[in-house]
Amino acid sequence: MFQKLIQTSNSKTTILIRLMVGAVFLSEGIQKFLFPAIRGAGRFDKIGLPSPDFLGSFVGAFEIVCGIFILIGLLTRLASIPTLVIMFVALATTKTEVLANDGFWIMMHGSRTDWAMLLGSLFLIFQGGGKWSFDKKFSKND
């Protein structure tokens, strides 16, 4: 089971997606703690999510841990699942209102980072960590 989870290709370019996705999630997670009123609990409260204080810290912690794991390529597939869920929730809670009020193109413009992170996370779930990852180092399929 563990070997199947960390199995990855020899792709050298996967690191580019890992760096993008991992750095964004790590940064966003840290910001939820540094600026809770605008990035964490305050934002979650504004969009109407329940228990915003808990959720701000909970999501921020997941973003930090998963961001680090993705950056170093450790349990990349597993770490990318929460980031995918976070992006689906972000799109559903923040962009559907923009779509309804302002239209498709404004929603698309405002959600470009959301889509990049969602698709980057999905890519990493399918691809794994790539050649330069701890997943590859620990994999028996070298």
Protein backbone atom coordinates (compact mmCIF):
# COMPACT_ATOMS: atom_id res chain seq x y z
CA MET A 1 0.00 0.00 0.00
CA PHE A 2 2.74 2.47 0.99
CA GLN A 3 4.76 1.66 -2.14
CA LYS A 4 1.72 2.24 -4.32
CA LEU A 5 1.09 5.59 -2.61
CA ILE A 6 4.64 6.87 -3.19
CA GLN A 7 5.12 5.32 -6.64
CA THR A 8 6.03 8.05 -9.10
CA SER A 9 7.47 8.58 -12.53
CA ASN A 10 10.96 9.69 -13.47
CA SER A 11 9.65 13.03 -14.70
CA LYS A 12 12.11 15.82 -14.04
CA THR A 13 9.56 18.56 -14.74
CA THR A 14 7.07 17.53 -12.04
CA ILE A 15 9.15 19.58 -9.62
CA LEU A 16 7.87 22.74 -11.34
CA ILE A 17 4.26 21.89 -10.45
CA ARG A 18 5.33 20.81 -6.96
CA LEU A 19 7.13 24.11 -6.39
CA MET A 20 4.14 26.13 -7.59
CA VAL A 21 1.48 24.22 -5.64
CA GLY A 22 3.57 23.67 -2.53
CA ALA A 23 4.77 27.27 -2.27
CA VAL A 24 1.29 28.74 -2.74
CA PHE A 25 -0.30 26.48 -0.13
CA LEU A 26 2.55 26.97 2.35
CA SER A 27 2.32 30.75 1.94
CA GLU A 28 -1.47 30.83 2.20
CA GLY A 29 -1.39 28.63 5.30
CA ILE A 30 1.14 30.88 7.03
CA GLN A 31 -0.92 33.95 6.12
CA LYS A 32 -4.01 32.46 7.79
CA PHE A 33 -2.08 32.70 11.07
CA LEU A 34 -0.30 36.00 10.38
CA PHE A 35 -3.41 37.82 9.12
CA PRO A 36 -6.40 35.93 10.56
CA ALA A 37 -8.85 38.82 10.08
CA ILE A 38 -8.38 38.89 6.30
CA ARG A 39 -6.97 35.45 5.40
CA GLY A 40 -8.22 33.10 8.12
CA ALA A 41 -11.12 33.20 10.55
CA GLY A 42 -12.27 36.66 9.44
CA ARG A 43 -12.50 35.59 5.81
CA PHE A 44 -14.26 32.35 6.70
CA ASP A 45 -16.74 34.30 8.83
CA LYS A 46 -17.35 36.76 5.98
CA ILE A 47 -18.25 34.00 3.53
CA GLY A 48 -20.51 32.32 6.09
CA LEU A 49 -18.60 29.16 6.97
CA PRO A 50 -19.39 27.62 10.37
CA SER A 51 -16.85 27.81 13.23
CA PRO A 52 -14.57 30.27 11.43
CA ASP A 53 -12.00 30.42 14.25
CA PHE A 54 -11.56 26.65 14.22
CA LEU A 55 -11.68 26.41 10.42
CA GLY A 56 -9.14 29.18 9.92
CA SER A 57 -6.57 27.38 12.05
CA PHE A 58 -7.53 23.93 10.77
CA VAL A 59 -7.28 24.86 7.09
CA GLY A 60 -4.15 26.95 7.69
CA ALA A 61 -2.42 24.02 9.40
CA PHE A 62 -3.36 21.66 6.57
CA GLU A 63 -2.09 24.16 3.99
CA ILE A 64 1.24 24.49 5.80
CA VAL A 65 1.80 20.76 6.32
CA CYS A 66 0.59 19.73 2.86
CA GLY A 67 2.52 22.59 1.25
CA ILE A 68 5.75 21.40 2.88
CA PHE A 69 5.11 17.77 1.94
CA ILE A 70 4.40 18.76 -1.66
CA LEU A 71 7.49 20.97 -1.84
CA ILE A 72 9.79 18.16 -0.73
CA GLY A 73 7.84 15.49 -2.59
CA LEU A 74 6.98 13.38 0.44
CA LEU A 75 3.67 11.52 0.27
CA THR A 76 2.87 13.86 -2.62
CA ARG A 77 -0.32 12.09 -3.70
CA LEU A 78 -1.69 11.99 -0.17
CA ALA A 79 -0.73 15.62 0.57
CA SER A 80 -2.41 16.76 -2.65
CA ILE A 81 -5.83 15.39 -1.68
CA PRO A 82 -6.54 18.02 1.03
CA THR A 83 -5.29 20.78 -1.27
CA LEU A 84 -7.72 19.61 -3.95
CA VAL A 85 -10.58 19.63 -1.44
CA ILE A 86 -9.57 23.09 -0.21
CA MET A 87 -9.70 24.41 -3.78
CA PHE A 88 -13.12 22.87 -4.48
CA VAL A 89 -14.46 24.48 -1.30
CA ALA A 90 -12.82 27.80 -2.16
CA LEU A 91 -14.38 27.83 -5.62
CA ALA A 92 -17.80 26.80 -4.30
CA THR A 93 -17.88 29.30 -1.44
CA THR A 94 -16.33 32.33 -3.08
CA LYS A 95 -16.69 32.11 -6.84
CA THR A 96 -20.29 30.94 -7.28
CA GLU A 97 -21.49 34.26 -5.85
CA VAL A 98 -19.20 36.17 -8.20
CA LEU A 99 -20.54 34.11 -11.11
CA ALA A 100 -24.14 34.85 -10.11
CA ASN A 101 -23.58 38.57 -9.50
CA ASP A 102 -20.89 39.57 -11.97
CA GLY A 103 -20.89 36.95 -14.72
CA PHE A 104 -18.68 34.27 -16.17
CA TRP A 105 -15.66 36.31 -17.28
CA ILE A 106 -15.25 38.19 -14.01
CA MET A 107 -15.53 34.90 -12.15
CA MET A 108 -12.93 33.31 -14.44
CA HIS A 109 -10.54 36.22 -13.95
CA GLY A 110 -10.95 36.15 -10.18
CA SER A 111 -10.51 32.39 -9.96
CA ARG A 112 -7.42 31.89 -12.11
CA THR A 113 -5.21 31.02 -9.13
CA ASP A 114 -7.93 28.74 -7.74
CA TRP A 115 -8.06 26.80 -11.02
CA ALA A 116 -4.26 26.60 -11.23
CA MET A 117 -4.04 25.20 -7.69
CA LEU A 118 -6.94 22.80 -8.26
CA LEU A 119 -5.48 21.43 -11.49
CA GLY A 120 -1.95 21.39 -10.05
CA SER A 121 -3.19 19.36 -7.07
CA LEU A 122 -5.05 16.99 -9.38
CA PHE A 123 -1.92 16.59 -11.52
CA LEU A 124 0.13 15.66 -8.44
CA ILE A 125 -2.48 13.12 -7.31
CA PHE A 126 -2.14 11.37 -10.67
CA GLN A 127 1.60 11.92 -11.23
CA GLY A 128 3.17 11.71 -7.79
CA GLY A 129 6.32 13.57 -6.77
CA GLY A 130 8.49 12.95 -9.82
CA LYS A 131 12.21 12.26 -10.12
CA TRP A 132 13.44 14.77 -7.54
CA SER A 133 11.23 13.81 -4.60
CA PHE A 134 11.41 11.85 -1.40
CA ASP A 135 8.70 9.65 -2.90
CA LYS A 136 11.13 8.62 -5.66
CA LYS A 137 13.95 8.17 -3.15
CA PHE A 138 11.86 5.80 -1.00
CA SER A 139 10.22 4.01 -3.91
CA LYS A 140 11.36 0.48 -4.72
CA ASN A 141 10.79 1.16 -8.43
CA ASP A 142 14.00 3.12 -9.09
